Amino acid sequence: MKIIALVGSIRRSSYNRKLATFVQKRYADQLDVTIPNLGALPFYDQDIELEAPAEVQAFKQTVMDADGVIFVTPEYNHSVPGVLENAIDWLSRVERPLIGKPAMILGATMGPLGTVRAQSHLRQVF
């Protein structure tokens, strides 16, 4: 089963990237988990959405080809980080590859509430 894990942190030592990598390794016998670099996506721009840059087209195709999506989000200012929101903005336009796609939300942080508020906001976005 092909899964794409969208990690909302671009920090090299990101707990969320480590969590996604753990899932990738732990379930390697059951899942083919791809973890794209969301930091490589340009900012969403409606002026170019119909002729999106190559990296956006490749990203959307990877999501279309996946059987499911795991959103792995840190919590920034009690909400979803911009890099993840930008990816969602691209995915919610034109082809809309998330429609009907099974999804799961994970998150990791050192804070006492974890990523509960960011996960709640992410549910509201969807």
PDB file of N, CA and C in Angstrom:
ATOM      1  N   MET A   1       0.849  -1.174   0.000  1.00  0.00           N
ATOM      2  CA  MET A   1       0.000   0.000   0.000  1.00  0.00           C
ATOM      3  C   MET A   1       0.894   1.236   0.000  1.00  0.00           C
ATOM      4  N   LYS A   2       0.620   2.154  -0.905  1.00  0.00           N
ATOM      5  CA  LYS A   2       1.403   3.387  -1.017  1.00  0.00           C
ATOM      6  C   LYS A   2       0.796   4.469  -0.125  1.00  0.00           C
ATOM      7  N   ILE A   3       1.629   5.043   0.722  1.00  0.00           N
ATOM      8  CA  ILE A   3       1.223   6.110   1.634  1.00  0.00           C
ATOM      9  C   ILE A   3       2.154   7.288   1.433  1.00  0.00           C
ATOM     10  N   ILE A   4       1.610   8.487   1.455  1.00  0.00           N
ATOM     11  CA  ILE A   4       2.439   9.690   1.442  1.00  0.00           C
ATOM     12  C   ILE A   4       2.285  10.357   2.797  1.00  0.00           C
ATOM     13  N   ALA A   5       3.411  10.659   3.424  1.00  0.00           N
ATOM     14  CA  ALA A   5       3.418  11.318   4.728  1.00  0.00           C
ATOM     15  C   ALA A   5       3.836  12.774   4.527  1.00  0.00           C
ATOM     16  N   LEU A   6       2.918  13.683   4.810  1.00  0.00           N
ATOM     17  CA  LEU A   6       3.180  15.112   4.642  1.00  0.00           C
ATOM     18  C   LEU A   6       3.574  15.685   5.990  1.00  0.00           C
ATOM     19  N   VAL A   7       4.843  16.008   6.117  1.00  0.00           N
ATOM     20  CA  VAL A   7       5.406  16.486   7.384  1.00  0.00           C
ATOM     21  C   VAL A   7       5.434  18.003   7.382  1.00  0.00           C
ATOM     22  N   GLY A   8       4.783  18.594   8.367  1.00  0.00           N
ATOM     23  CA  GLY A   8       4.645  20.042   8.433  1.00  0.00           C
ATOM     24  C   GLY A   8       5.810  20.779   9.048  1.00  0.00           C
ATOM     25  N   SER A   9       6.957  20.159   9.121  1.00  0.00           N
ATOM     26  CA  SER A   9       8.147  20.821   9.637  1.00  0.00           C
ATOM     27  C   SER A   9       9.298  20.572   8.685  1.00  0.00           C
ATOM     28  N   ILE A  10      10.056  21.610   8.406  1.00  0.00           N
ATOM     29  CA  ILE A  10      11.212  21.457   7.527  1.00  0.00           C
ATOM     30  C   ILE A  10      12.528  21.491   8.310  1.00  0.00           C
ATOM     31  N   ARG A  11      12.417  21.545   9.648  1.00  0.00           N
ATOM     32  CA  ARG A  11      13.603  21.549  10.505  1.00  0.00           C
ATOM     33  C   ARG A  11      14.330  20.211  10.375  1.00  0.00           C
ATOM     34  N   ARG A  12      15.657  20.246  10.261  1.00  0.00           N
ATOM     35  CA  ARG A  12      16.440  19.021  10.096  1.00  0.00           C
ATOM     36  C   ARG A  12      16.213  18.022  11.218  1.00  0.00           C
ATOM     37  N   SER A  13      16.123  18.486  12.451  1.00  0.00           N
ATOM     38  CA  SER A  13      15.940  17.594  13.605  1.00  0.00           C
ATOM     39  C   SER A  13      14.485  17.524  14.044  1.00  0.00           C
ATOM     40  N   SER A  14      13.572  17.715  13.148  1.00  0.00           N
ATOM     41  CA  SER A  14      12.141  17.739  13.440  1.00  0.00           C
ATOM     42  C   SER A  14      11.663  16.439  14.090  1.00  0.00           C
ATOM     43  N   TYR A  15      10.951  16.587  15.197  1.00  0.00           N
ATOM     44  CA  TYR A  15      10.339  15.422  15.846  1.00  0.00           C
ATOM     45  C   TYR A  15       9.317  14.783  14.910  1.00  0.00           C
ATOM     46  N   ASN A  16       8.629  15.611  14.151  1.00  0.00           N
ATOM     47  CA  ASN A  16       7.599  15.106  13.250  1.00  0.00           C
ATOM     48  C   ASN A  16       8.190  14.354  12.073  1.00  0.00           C
ATOM     49  N   ARG A  17       9.319  14.798  11.569  1.00  0.00           N
ATOM     50  CA  ARG A  17      10.008  14.054  10.510  1.00  0.00           C
ATOM     51  C   ARG A  17      10.492  12.721  11.086  1.00  0.00           C
ATOM     52  N   LYS A  18      10.986  12.747  12.327  1.00  0.00           N
ATOM     53  CA  LYS A  18      11.416  11.499  12.968  1.00  0.00           C
ATOM     54  C   LYS A  18      10.237  10.552  13.144  1.00  0.00           C
ATOM     55  N   LEU A  19       9.077  11.086  13.500  1.00  0.00           N
ATOM     56  CA  LEU A  19       7.879  10.267  13.648  1.00  0.00           C
ATOM     57  C   LEU A  19       7.481   9.639  12.309  1.00  0.00           C
ATOM     58  N   ALA A  20       7.496  10.426  11.252  1.00  0.00           N
ATOM     59  CA  ALA A  20       7.168   9.905   9.918  1.00  0.00           C
ATOM     60  C   ALA A  20       8.174   8.846   9.486  1.00  0.00           C
ATOM     61  N   THR A  21       9.442   9.087   9.761  1.00  0.00           N
ATOM     62  CA  THR A  21      10.489   8.126   9.416  1.00  0.00           C
ATOM     63  C   THR A  21      10.319   6.833  10.219  1.00  0.00           C
ATOM     64  N   PHE A  22       9.915   6.971  11.499  1.00  0.00           N
ATOM     65  CA  PHE A  22       9.637   5.790  12.311  1.00  0.00           C
ATOM     66  C   PHE A  22       8.526   4.950  11.673  1.00  0.00           C
ATOM     67  N   VAL A  23       7.434   5.599  11.290  1.00  0.00           N
ATOM     68  CA  VAL A  23       6.315   4.896  10.652  1.00  0.00           C
ATOM     69  C   VAL A  23       6.803   4.222   9.364  1.00  0.00           C
ATOM     70  N   GLN A  24       7.603   4.952   8.604  1.00  0.00           N
ATOM     71  CA  GLN A  24       8.140   4.422   7.334  1.00  0.00           C
ATOM     72  C   GLN A  24       8.946   3.145   7.567  1.00  0.00           C
ATOM     73  N   LYS A  25       9.811   3.160   8.580  1.00  0.00           N
ATOM     74  CA  LYS A  25      10.668   2.000   8.854  1.00  0.00           C
ATOM     75  C   LYS A  25       9.904   0.881   9.559  1.00  0.00           C
ATOM     76  N   ARG A  26       9.104   1.247  10.537  1.00  0.00           N
ATOM     77  CA  ARG A  26       8.389   0.252  11.353  1.00  0.00           C
ATOM     78  C   ARG A  26       7.411  -0.573  10.518  1.00  0.00           C
ATOM     79  N   TYR A  27       6.771   0.058   9.552  1.00  0.00           N
ATOM     80  CA  TYR A  27       5.762  -0.628   8.750  1.00  0.00           C
ATOM     81  C   TYR A  27       6.217  -0.885   7.318  1.00  0.00           C
ATOM     82  N   ALA A  28       7.517  -0.944   7.117  1.00  0.00           N
ATOM     83  CA  ALA A  28       8.076  -1.132   5.772  1.00  0.00           C
ATOM     84  C   ALA A  28       7.598  -2.425   5.121  1.00  0.00           C
ATOM     85  N   ASP A  29       7.266  -3.418   5.929  1.00  0.00           N
ATOM     86  CA  ASP A  29       6.789  -4.684   5.376  1.00  0.00           C
ATOM     87  C   ASP A  29       5.330  -4.607   4.916  1.00  0.00           C
ATOM     88  N   GLN A  30       4.618  -3.539   5.323  1.00  0.00           N
ATOM     89  CA  GLN A  30       3.209  -3.391   4.973  1.00  0.00           C
ATOM     90  C   GLN A  30       2.916  -2.161   4.123  1.00  0.00           C
ATOM     91  N   LEU A  31       3.749  -1.126   4.296  1.00  0.00           N
ATOM     92  CA  LEU A  31       3.484   0.152   3.644  1.00  0.00           C
ATOM     93  C   LEU A  31       4.712   0.658   2.903  1.00  0.00           C
ATOM     94  N   ASP A  32       4.467   1.289   1.777  1.00  0.00           N
ATOM     95  CA  ASP A  32       5.508   2.002   1.042  1.00  0.00           C
ATOM     96  C   ASP A  32       5.261   3.481   1.320  1.00  0.00           C
ATOM     97  N   VAL A  33       5.997   4.033   2.310  1.00  0.00           N
ATOM     98  CA  VAL A  33       5.768   5.405   2.764  1.00  0.00           C
ATOM     99  C   VAL A  33       6.765   6.356   2.105  1.00  0.00           C
ATOM    100  N   THR A  34       6.227   7.359   1.422  1.00  0.00           N
ATOM    101  CA  THR A  34       7.030   8.422   0.810  1.00  0.00           C
ATOM    102  C   THR A  34       6.894   9.668   1.660  1.00  0.00           C
ATOM    103  N   ILE A  35       8.025  10.344   1.914  1.00  0.00           N
ATOM    104  CA  ILE A  35       8.015  11.572   2.704  1.00  0.00           C
ATOM    105  C   ILE A  35       8.624  12.687   1.852  1.00  0.00           C
ATOM    106  N   PRO A  36       7.782  13.452   1.146  1.00  0.00           N
ATOM    107  CA  PRO A  36       8.320  14.520   0.295  1.00  0.00           C
ATOM    108  C   PRO A  36       8.798  15.711   1.130  1.00  0.00           C
ATOM    109  N   ASN A  37       9.644  16.516   0.533  1.00  0.00           N
ATOM    110  CA  ASN A  37      10.118  17.747   1.170  1.00  0.00           C
ATOM    111  C   ASN A  37       9.150  18.871   0.841  1.00  0.00           C
ATOM    112  N   LEU A  38       8.259  19.200   1.769  1.00  0.00           N
ATOM    113  CA  LEU A  38       7.267  20.251   1.518  1.00  0.00           C
ATOM    114  C   LEU A  38       7.917  21.630   1.399  1.00  0.00           C
ATOM    115  N   GLY A  39       9.111  21.781   1.932  1.00  0.00           N
ATOM    116  CA  GLY A  39       9.826  23.049   1.818  1.00  0.00           C
ATOM    117  C   GLY A  39      10.246  23.368   0.396  1.00  0.00           C
ATOM    118  N   ALA A  40      10.227  22.370  -0.480  1.00  0.00           N
ATOM    119  CA  ALA A  40      10.606  22.577  -1.886  1.00  0.00           C
ATOM    120  C   ALA A  40       9.458  23.140  -2.716  1.00  0.00           C
ATOM    121  N   LEU A  41       8.252  23.146  -2.156  1.00  0.00           N
ATOM    122  CA  LEU A  41       7.106  23.680  -2.901  1.00  0.00           C
ATOM    123  C   LEU A  41       7.103  25.204  -2.876  1.00  0.00           C
ATOM    124  N   PRO A  42       6.828  25.838  -4.000  1.00  0.00           N
ATOM    125  CA  PRO A  42       6.686  27.300  -3.985  1.00  0.00           C
ATOM    126  C   PRO A  42       5.401  27.684  -3.242  1.00  0.00           C
ATOM    127  N   PHE A  43       5.311  28.920  -2.837  1.00  0.00           N
ATOM    128  CA  PHE A  43       4.079  29.388  -2.213  1.00  0.00           C
ATOM    129  C   PHE A  43       2.933  29.244  -3.197  1.00  0.00           C
ATOM    130  N   TYR A  44       1.791  28.804  -2.673  1.00  0.00           N
ATOM    131  CA  TYR A  44       0.612  28.693  -3.521  1.00  0.00           C
ATOM    132  C   TYR A  44       0.290  30.055  -4.133  1.00  0.00           C
ATOM    133  N   ASP A  45      -0.045  30.060  -5.409  1.00  0.00           N
ATOM    134  CA  ASP A  45      -0.372  31.287  -6.133  1.00  0.00           C
ATOM    135  C   ASP A  45      -1.458  30.959  -7.152  1.00  0.00           C
ATOM    136  N   GLN A  46      -2.643  31.507  -6.950  1.00  0.00           N
ATOM    137  CA  GLN A  46      -3.762  31.216  -7.842  1.00  0.00           C
ATOM    138  C   GLN A  46      -3.461  31.631  -9.281  1.00  0.00           C
ATOM    139  N   ASP A  47      -2.589  32.615  -9.465  1.00  0.00           N
ATOM    140  CA  ASP A  47      -2.252  33.057 -10.821  1.00  0.00           C
ATOM    141  C   ASP A  47      -1.579  31.964 -11.643  1.00  0.00           C
ATOM    142  N   ILE A  48      -0.931  31.001 -10.972  1.00  0.00           N
ATOM    143  CA  ILE A  48      -0.211  29.960 -11.713  1.00  0.00           C
ATOM    144  C   ILE A  48      -0.767  28.557 -11.464  1.00  0.00           C
ATOM    145  N   GLU A  49      -1.901  28.449 -10.769  1.00  0.00           N
ATOM    146  CA  GLU A  49      -2.391  27.119 -10.399  1.00  0.00           C
ATOM    147  C   GLU A  49      -2.744  26.241 -11.609  1.00  0.00           C
ATOM    148  N   LEU A  50      -3.179  26.830 -12.709  1.00  0.00           N
ATOM    149  CA  LEU A  50      -3.531  26.028 -13.885  1.00  0.00           C
ATOM    150  C   LEU A  50      -2.308  25.540 -14.649  1.00  0.00           C
ATOM    151  N   GLU A  51      -1.203  26.230 -14.483  1.00  0.00           N
ATOM    152  CA  GLU A  51       0.072  25.836 -15.075  1.00  0.00           C
ATOM    153  C   GLU A  51       1.107  25.792 -13.965  1.00  0.00           C
ATOM    154  N   ALA A  52       0.858  24.952 -12.983  1.00  0.00           N
ATOM    155  CA  ALA A  52       1.702  24.880 -11.787  1.00  0.00           C
ATOM    156  C   ALA A  52       3.133  24.476 -12.134  1.00  0.00           C
ATOM    157  N   PRO A  53       4.093  24.925 -11.336  1.00  0.00           N
ATOM    158  CA  PRO A  53       5.490  24.541 -11.553  1.00  0.00           C
ATOM    159  C   PRO A  53       5.660  23.012 -11.484  1.00  0.00           C
ATOM    160  N   ALA A  54       6.725  22.541 -12.082  1.00  0.00           N
ATOM    161  CA  ALA A  54       6.976  21.099 -12.183  1.00  0.00           C
ATOM    162  C   ALA A  54       6.992  20.418 -10.823  1.00  0.00           C
ATOM    163  N   GLU A  55       7.587  21.069  -9.809  1.00  0.00           N
ATOM    164  CA  GLU A  55       7.651  20.436  -8.487  1.00  0.00           C
ATOM    165  C   GLU A  55       6.261  20.266  -7.884  1.00  0.00           C
ATOM    166  N   VAL A  56       5.348  21.181  -8.174  1.00  0.00           N
ATOM    167  CA  VAL A  56       3.965  21.074  -7.701  1.00  0.00           C
ATOM    168  C   VAL A  56       3.250  19.951  -8.438  1.00  0.00           C
ATOM    169  N   GLN A  57       3.442  19.877  -9.753  1.00  0.00           N
ATOM    170  CA  GLN A  57       2.808  18.818 -10.536  1.00  0.00           C
ATOM    171  C   GLN A  57       3.282  17.437 -10.079  1.00  0.00           C
ATOM    172  N   ALA A  58       4.576  17.311  -9.824  1.00  0.00           N
ATOM    173  CA  ALA A  58       5.132  16.037  -9.356  1.00  0.00           C
ATOM    174  C   ALA A  58       4.585  15.692  -7.968  1.00  0.00           C
ATOM    175  N   PHE A  59       4.480  16.686  -7.103  1.00  0.00           N
ATOM    176  CA  PHE A  59       3.933  16.490  -5.760  1.00  0.00           C
ATOM    177  C   PHE A  59       2.483  16.016  -5.833  1.00  0.00           C
ATOM    178  N   LYS A  60       1.685  16.686  -6.646  1.00  0.00           N
ATOM    179  CA  LYS A  60       0.282  16.297  -6.795  1.00  0.00           C
ATOM    180  C   LYS A  60       0.157  14.885  -7.357  1.00  0.00           C
ATOM    181  N   GLN A  61       1.008  14.533  -8.296  1.00  0.00           N
ATOM    182  CA  GLN A  61       0.964  13.187  -8.875  1.00  0.00           C
ATOM    183  C   GLN A  61       1.303  12.139  -7.825  1.00  0.00           C
ATOM    184  N   THR A  62       2.265  12.430  -6.975  1.00  0.00           N
ATOM    185  CA  THR A  62       2.631  11.499  -5.908  1.00  0.00           C
ATOM    186  C   THR A  62       1.448  11.271  -4.965  1.00  0.00           C
ATOM    187  N   VAL A  63       0.719  12.341  -4.653  1.00  0.00           N
ATOM    188  CA  VAL A  63      -0.462  12.218  -3.794  1.00  0.00           C
ATOM    189  C   VAL A  63      -1.553  11.431  -4.521  1.00  0.00           C
ATOM    190  N   MET A  64      -1.749  11.712  -5.809  1.00  0.00           N
ATOM    191  CA  MET A  64      -2.759  10.979  -6.580  1.00  0.00           C
ATOM    192  C   MET A  64      -2.452   9.484  -6.611  1.00  0.00           C
ATOM    193  N   ASP A  65      -1.174   9.140  -6.711  1.00  0.00           N
ATOM    194  CA  ASP A  65      -0.754   7.744  -6.798  1.00  0.00           C
ATOM    195  C   ASP A  65      -0.825   7.014  -5.456  1.00  0.00           C
ATOM    196  N   ALA A  66      -0.904   7.761  -4.361  1.00  0.00           N
ATOM    197  CA  ALA A  66      -0.922   7.159  -3.020  1.00  0.00           C
ATOM    198  C   ALA A  66      -2.303   6.591  -2.695  1.00  0.00           C
ATOM    199  N   ASP A  67      -2.301   5.551  -1.896  1.00  0.00           N
ATOM    200  CA  ASP A  67      -3.550   4.960  -1.416  1.00  0.00           C
ATOM    201  C   ASP A  67      -4.091   5.706  -0.200  1.00  0.00           C
ATOM    202  N   GLY A  68      -3.232   6.450   0.484  1.00  0.00           N
ATOM    203  CA  GLY A  68      -3.639   7.201   1.658  1.00  0.00           C
ATOM    204  C   GLY A  68      -2.607   8.246   2.026  1.00  0.00           C
ATOM    205  N   VAL A  69      -3.002   9.148   2.926  1.00  0.00           N
ATOM    206  CA  VAL A  69      -2.141  10.267   3.331  1.00  0.00           C
ATOM    207  C   VAL A  69      -2.045  10.289   4.852  1.00  0.00           C
ATOM    208  N   ILE A  70      -0.835  10.510   5.336  1.00  0.00           N
ATOM    209  CA  ILE A  70      -0.632  10.765   6.759  1.00  0.00           C
ATOM    210  C   ILE A  70      -0.138  12.204   6.885  1.00  0.00           C
ATOM    211  N   PHE A  71      -0.885  13.007   7.613  1.00  0.00           N
ATOM    212  CA  PHE A  71      -0.476  14.382   7.909  1.00  0.00           C
ATOM    213  C   PHE A  71       0.244  14.350   9.251  1.00  0.00           C
ATOM    214  N   VAL A  72       1.503  14.745   9.248  1.00  0.00           N
ATOM    215  CA  VAL A  72       2.310  14.733  10.465  1.00  0.00           C
ATOM    216  C   VAL A  72       2.632  16.186  10.794  1.00  0.00           C
ATOM    217  N   THR A  73       1.948  16.713  11.811  1.00  0.00           N
ATOM    218  CA  THR A  73       2.025  18.151  12.041  1.00  0.00           C
ATOM    219  C   THR A  73       2.576  18.532  13.402  1.00  0.00           C
ATOM    220  N   PRO A  74       3.524  19.455  13.409  1.00  0.00           N
ATOM    221  CA  PRO A  74       3.877  20.099  14.668  1.00  0.00           C
ATOM    222  C   PRO A  74       2.802  21.146  14.966  1.00  0.00           C
ATOM    223  N   GLU A  75       2.965  21.821  16.064  1.00  0.00           N
ATOM    224  CA  GLU A  75       2.019  22.889  16.398  1.00  0.00           C
ATOM    225  C   GLU A  75       2.793  24.196  16.511  1.00  0.00           C
ATOM    226  N   TYR A  76       2.467  25.126  15.641  1.00  0.00           N
ATOM    227  CA  TYR A  76       3.094  26.451  15.661  1.00  0.00           C
ATOM    228  C   TYR A  76       2.020  27.463  16.011  1.00  0.00           C
ATOM    229  N   ASN A  77       2.228  28.193  17.091  1.00  0.00           N
ATOM    230  CA  ASN A  77       1.263  29.209  17.519  1.00  0.00           C
ATOM    231  C   ASN A  77      -0.152  28.635  17.624  1.00  0.00           C
ATOM    232  N   HIS A  78      -0.251  27.452  18.198  1.00  0.00           N
ATOM    233  CA  HIS A  78      -1.524  26.770  18.441  1.00  0.00           C
ATOM    234  C   HIS A  78      -2.232  26.357  17.161  1.00  0.00           C
ATOM    235  N   SER A  79      -1.505  26.213  16.053  1.00  0.00           N
ATOM    236  CA  SER A  79      -2.162  25.885  14.791  1.00  0.00           C
ATOM    237  C   SER A  79      -1.232  25.093  13.875  1.00  0.00           C
ATOM    238  N   VAL A  80      -1.676  24.944  12.642  1.00  0.00           N
ATOM    239  CA  VAL A  80      -0.957  24.207  11.601  1.00  0.00           C
ATOM    240  C   VAL A  80       0.161  25.090  11.047  1.00  0.00           C
ATOM    241  N   PRO A  81       1.354  24.542  10.856  1.00  0.00           N
ATOM    242  CA  PRO A  81       2.449  25.341  10.298  1.00  0.00           C
ATOM    243  C   PRO A  81       2.211  25.711   8.837  1.00  0.00           C
ATOM    244  N   GLY A  82       2.806  26.812   8.449  1.00  0.00           N
ATOM    245  CA  GLY A  82       2.626  27.344   7.096  1.00  0.00           C
ATOM    246  C   GLY A  82       3.040  26.398   5.996  1.00  0.00           C
ATOM    247  N   VAL A  83       4.114  25.642   6.183  1.00  0.00           N
ATOM    248  CA  VAL A  83       4.591  24.744   5.130  1.00  0.00           C
ATOM    249  C   VAL A  83       3.548  23.661   4.825  1.00  0.00           C
ATOM    250  N   LEU A  84       2.858  23.182   5.856  1.00  0.00           N
ATOM    251  CA  LEU A  84       1.816  22.174   5.643  1.00  0.00           C
ATOM    252  C   LEU A  84       0.572  22.815   5.029  1.00  0.00           C
ATOM    253  N   GLU A  85       0.219  23.990   5.497  1.00  0.00           N
ATOM    254  CA  GLU A  85      -0.937  24.697   4.927  1.00  0.00           C
ATOM    255  C   GLU A  85      -0.703  25.011   3.449  1.00  0.00           C
ATOM    256  N   ASN A  86       0.524  25.381   3.099  1.00  0.00           N
ATOM    257  CA  ASN A  86       0.849  25.657   1.701  1.00  0.00           C
ATOM    258  C   ASN A  86       0.658  24.403   0.840  1.00  0.00           C
ATOM    259  N   ALA A  87       1.114  23.262   1.345  1.00  0.00           N
ATOM    260  CA  ALA A  87       0.935  22.004   0.606  1.00  0.00           C
ATOM    261  C   ALA A  87      -0.550  21.693   0.432  1.00  0.00           C
ATOM    262  N   ILE A  88      -1.321  21.908   1.485  1.00  0.00           N
ATOM    263  CA  ILE A  88      -2.764  21.662   1.410  1.00  0.00           C
ATOM    264  C   ILE A  88      -3.418  22.614   0.421  1.00  0.00           C
ATOM    265  N   ASP A  89      -2.971  23.863   0.403  1.00  0.00           N
ATOM    266  CA  ASP A  89      -3.512  24.819  -0.566  1.00  0.00           C
ATOM    267  C   ASP A  89      -3.306  24.316  -1.992  1.00  0.00           C
ATOM    268  N   TRP A  90      -2.102  23.841  -2.302  1.00  0.00           N
ATOM    269  CA  TRP A  90      -1.848  23.304  -3.646  1.00  0.00           C
ATOM    270  C   TRP A  90      -2.731  22.096  -3.923  1.00  0.00           C
ATOM    271  N   LEU A  91      -2.901  21.227  -2.912  1.00  0.00           N
ATOM    272  CA  LEU A  91      -3.664  19.992  -3.106  1.00  0.00           C
ATOM    273  C   LEU A  91      -5.171  20.220  -3.176  1.00  0.00           C
ATOM    274  N   SER A  92      -5.621  21.377  -2.743  1.00  0.00           N
ATOM    275  CA  SER A  92      -7.068  21.639  -2.719  1.00  0.00           C
ATOM    276  C   SER A  92      -7.557  22.348  -3.981  1.00  0.00           C
ATOM    277  N   ARG A  93      -6.691  22.555  -4.931  1.00  0.00           N
ATOM    278  CA  ARG A  93      -7.040  23.290  -6.137  1.00  0.00           C
ATOM    279  C   ARG A  93      -6.853  22.430  -7.387  1.00  0.00           C
ATOM    280  N   VAL A  94      -7.602  22.730  -8.414  1.00  0.00           N
ATOM    281  CA  VAL A  94      -7.550  22.108  -9.739  1.00  0.00           C
ATOM    282  C   VAL A  94      -7.824  20.595  -9.645  1.00  0.00           C
ATOM    283  N   GLU A  95      -6.799  19.736  -9.595  1.00  0.00           N
ATOM    284  CA  GLU A  95      -7.021  18.283  -9.595  1.00  0.00           C
ATOM    285  C   GLU A  95      -7.641  17.785  -8.286  1.00  0.00           C
ATOM    286  N   ARG A  96      -7.328  18.415  -7.190  1.00  0.00           N
ATOM    287  CA  ARG A  96      -7.836  18.072  -5.851  1.00  0.00           C
ATOM    288  C   ARG A  96      -7.638  16.597  -5.505  1.00  0.00           C
ATOM    289  N   PRO A  97      -6.380  16.145  -5.453  1.00  0.00           N
ATOM    290  CA  PRO A  97      -6.091  14.722  -5.242  1.00  0.00           C
ATOM    291  C   PRO A  97      -6.448  14.178  -3.858  1.00  0.00           C
ATOM    292  N   LEU A  98      -6.816  15.036  -2.926  1.00  0.00           N
ATOM    293  CA  LEU A  98      -7.174  14.549  -1.593  1.00  0.00           C
ATOM    294  C   LEU A  98      -8.621  14.073  -1.493  1.00  0.00           C
ATOM    295  N   ILE A  99      -9.455  14.432  -2.468  1.00  0.00           N
ATOM    296  CA  ILE A  99     -10.868  14.062  -2.415  1.00  0.00           C
ATOM    297  C   ILE A  99     -10.998  12.537  -2.383  1.00  0.00           C
ATOM    298  N   GLY A 100     -11.677  12.042  -1.350  1.00  0.00           N
ATOM    299  CA  GLY A 100     -11.908  10.614  -1.212  1.00  0.00           C
ATOM    300  C   GLY A 100     -10.712   9.803  -0.749  1.00  0.00           C
ATOM    301  N   LYS A 101      -9.610  10.464  -0.459  1.00  0.00           N
ATOM    302  CA  LYS A 101      -8.389   9.762  -0.055  1.00  0.00           C
ATOM    303  C   LYS A 101      -8.406   9.541   1.455  1.00  0.00           C
ATOM    304  N   PRO A 102      -8.225   8.301   1.933  1.00  0.00           N
ATOM    305  CA  PRO A 102      -8.142   8.069   3.384  1.00  0.00           C
ATOM    306  C   PRO A 102      -6.976   8.852   3.983  1.00  0.00           C
ATOM    307  N   ALA A 103      -7.193   9.412   5.159  1.00  0.00           N
ATOM    308  CA  ALA A 103      -6.166  10.241   5.781  1.00  0.00           C
ATOM    309  C   ALA A 103      -6.083   9.968   7.269  1.00  0.00           C
ATOM    310  N   MET A 104      -4.930  10.295   7.814  1.00  0.00           N
ATOM    311  CA  MET A 104      -4.654  10.122   9.239  1.00  0.00           C
ATOM    312  C   MET A 104      -3.826  11.316   9.683  1.00  0.00           C
ATOM    313  N   ILE A 105      -3.996  11.740  10.926  1.00  0.00           N
ATOM    314  CA  ILE A 105      -3.231  12.864  11.457  1.00  0.00           C
ATOM    315  C   ILE A 105      -2.393  12.384  12.641  1.00  0.00           C
ATOM    316  N   LEU A 106      -1.108  12.713  12.600  1.00  0.00           N
ATOM    317  CA  LEU A 106      -0.178  12.440  13.698  1.00  0.00           C
ATOM    318  C   LEU A 106       0.532  13.730  14.041  1.00  0.00           C
ATOM    319  N   GLY A 107       1.140  13.785  15.204  1.00  0.00           N
ATOM    320  CA  GLY A 107       1.939  14.940  15.559  1.00  0.00           C
ATOM    321  C   GLY A 107       2.778  14.670  16.786  1.00  0.00           C
ATOM    322  N   ALA A 108       3.900  15.350  16.866  1.00  0.00           N
ATOM    323  CA  ALA A 108       4.805  15.184  17.997  1.00  0.00           C
ATOM    324  C   ALA A 108       5.377  16.538  18.400  1.00  0.00           C
ATOM    325  N   THR A 109       5.502  16.720  19.698  1.00  0.00           N
ATOM    326  CA  THR A 109       6.106  17.941  20.224  1.00  0.00           C
ATOM    327  C   THR A 109       6.537  17.686  21.661  1.00  0.00           C
ATOM    328  N   MET A 110       7.342  18.567  22.199  1.00  0.00           N
ATOM    329  CA  MET A 110       7.780  18.450  23.589  1.00  0.00           C
ATOM    330  C   MET A 110       6.780  19.085  24.549  1.00  0.00           C
ATOM    331  N   GLY A 111       5.792  19.805  24.027  1.00  0.00           N
ATOM    332  CA  GLY A 111       4.819  20.497  24.872  1.00  0.00           C
ATOM    333  C   GLY A 111       3.864  19.544  25.570  1.00  0.00           C
ATOM    334  N   PRO A 112       3.275  19.985  26.673  1.00  0.00           N
ATOM    335  CA  PRO A 112       2.398  19.107  27.462  1.00  0.00           C
ATOM    336  C   PRO A 112       1.099  18.702  26.750  1.00  0.00           C
ATOM    337  N   LEU A 113       0.622  19.498  25.806  1.00  0.00           N
ATOM    338  CA  LEU A 113      -0.606  19.161  25.084  1.00  0.00           C
ATOM    339  C   LEU A 113      -0.338  18.491  23.740  1.00  0.00           C
ATOM    340  N   GLY A 114       0.899  18.231  23.453  1.00  0.00           N
ATOM    341  CA  GLY A 114       1.227  17.636  22.162  1.00  0.00           C
ATOM    342  C   GLY A 114       0.835  18.573  21.038  1.00  0.00           C
ATOM    343  N   THR A 115       0.224  18.042  20.022  1.00  0.00           N
ATOM    344  CA  THR A 115      -0.177  18.853  18.874  1.00  0.00           C
ATOM    345  C   THR A 115      -1.703  18.888  18.753  1.00  0.00           C
ATOM    346  N   VAL A 116      -2.376  18.801  19.891  1.00  0.00           N
ATOM    347  CA  VAL A 116      -3.829  18.690  19.907  1.00  0.00           C
ATOM    348  C   VAL A 116      -4.529  19.856  19.204  1.00  0.00           C
ATOM    349  N   ARG A 117      -4.047  21.079  19.406  1.00  0.00           N
ATOM    350  CA  ARG A 117      -4.707  22.230  18.769  1.00  0.00           C
ATOM    351  C   ARG A 117      -4.446  22.262  17.272  1.00  0.00           C
ATOM    352  N   ALA A 118      -3.232  21.955  16.871  1.00  0.00           N
ATOM    353  CA  ALA A 118      -2.918  21.913  15.439  1.00  0.00           C
ATOM    354  C   ALA A 118      -3.734  20.821  14.753  1.00  0.00           C
ATOM    355  N   GLN A 119      -3.859  19.672  15.397  1.00  0.00           N
ATOM    356  CA  GLN A 119      -4.652  18.590  14.813  1.00  0.00           C
ATOM    357  C   GLN A 119      -6.120  18.989  14.707  1.00  0.00           C
ATOM    358  N   SER A 120      -6.613  19.697  15.708  1.00  0.00           N
ATOM    359  CA  SER A 120      -8.000  20.172  15.670  1.00  0.00           C
ATOM    360  C   SER A 120      -8.201  21.153  14.524  1.00  0.00           C
ATOM    361  N   HIS A 121      -7.272  22.083  14.359  1.00  0.00           N
ATOM    362  CA  HIS A 121      -7.365  23.037  13.250  1.00  0.00           C
ATOM    363  C   HIS A 121      -7.276  22.336  11.901  1.00  0.00           C
ATOM    364  N   LEU A 122      -6.432  21.326  11.821  1.00  0.00           N
ATOM    365  CA  LEU A 122      -6.286  20.586  10.569  1.00  0.00           C
ATOM    366  C   LEU A 122      -7.604  19.891  10.215  1.00  0.00           C
ATOM    367  N   ARG A 123      -8.280  19.359  11.202  1.00  0.00           N
ATOM    368  CA  ARG A 123      -9.589  18.753  10.950  1.00  0.00           C
ATOM    369  C   ARG A 123     -10.587  19.791  10.441  1.00  0.00           C
ATOM    370  N   GLN A 124     -10.512  21.009  10.974  1.00  0.00           N
ATOM    371  CA  GLN A 124     -11.405  22.077  10.519  1.00  0.00           C
ATOM    372  C   GLN A 124     -11.112  22.441   9.066  1.00  0.00           C
ATOM    373  N   VAL A 125      -9.842  22.438   8.684  1.00  0.00           N
ATOM    374  CA  VAL A 125      -9.461  22.761   7.314  1.00  0.00           C
ATOM    375  C   VAL A 125     -10.095  21.759   6.357  1.00  0.00           C
ATOM    376  N   PHE A 126     -10.116  20.493   6.748  1.00  0.00           N
ATOM    377  CA  PHE A 126     -10.683  19.463   5.881  1.00  0.00           C
ATOM    378  C   PHE A 126     -12.176  19.367   6.010  1.00  0.00           C
TER     379      PHE A 126
END
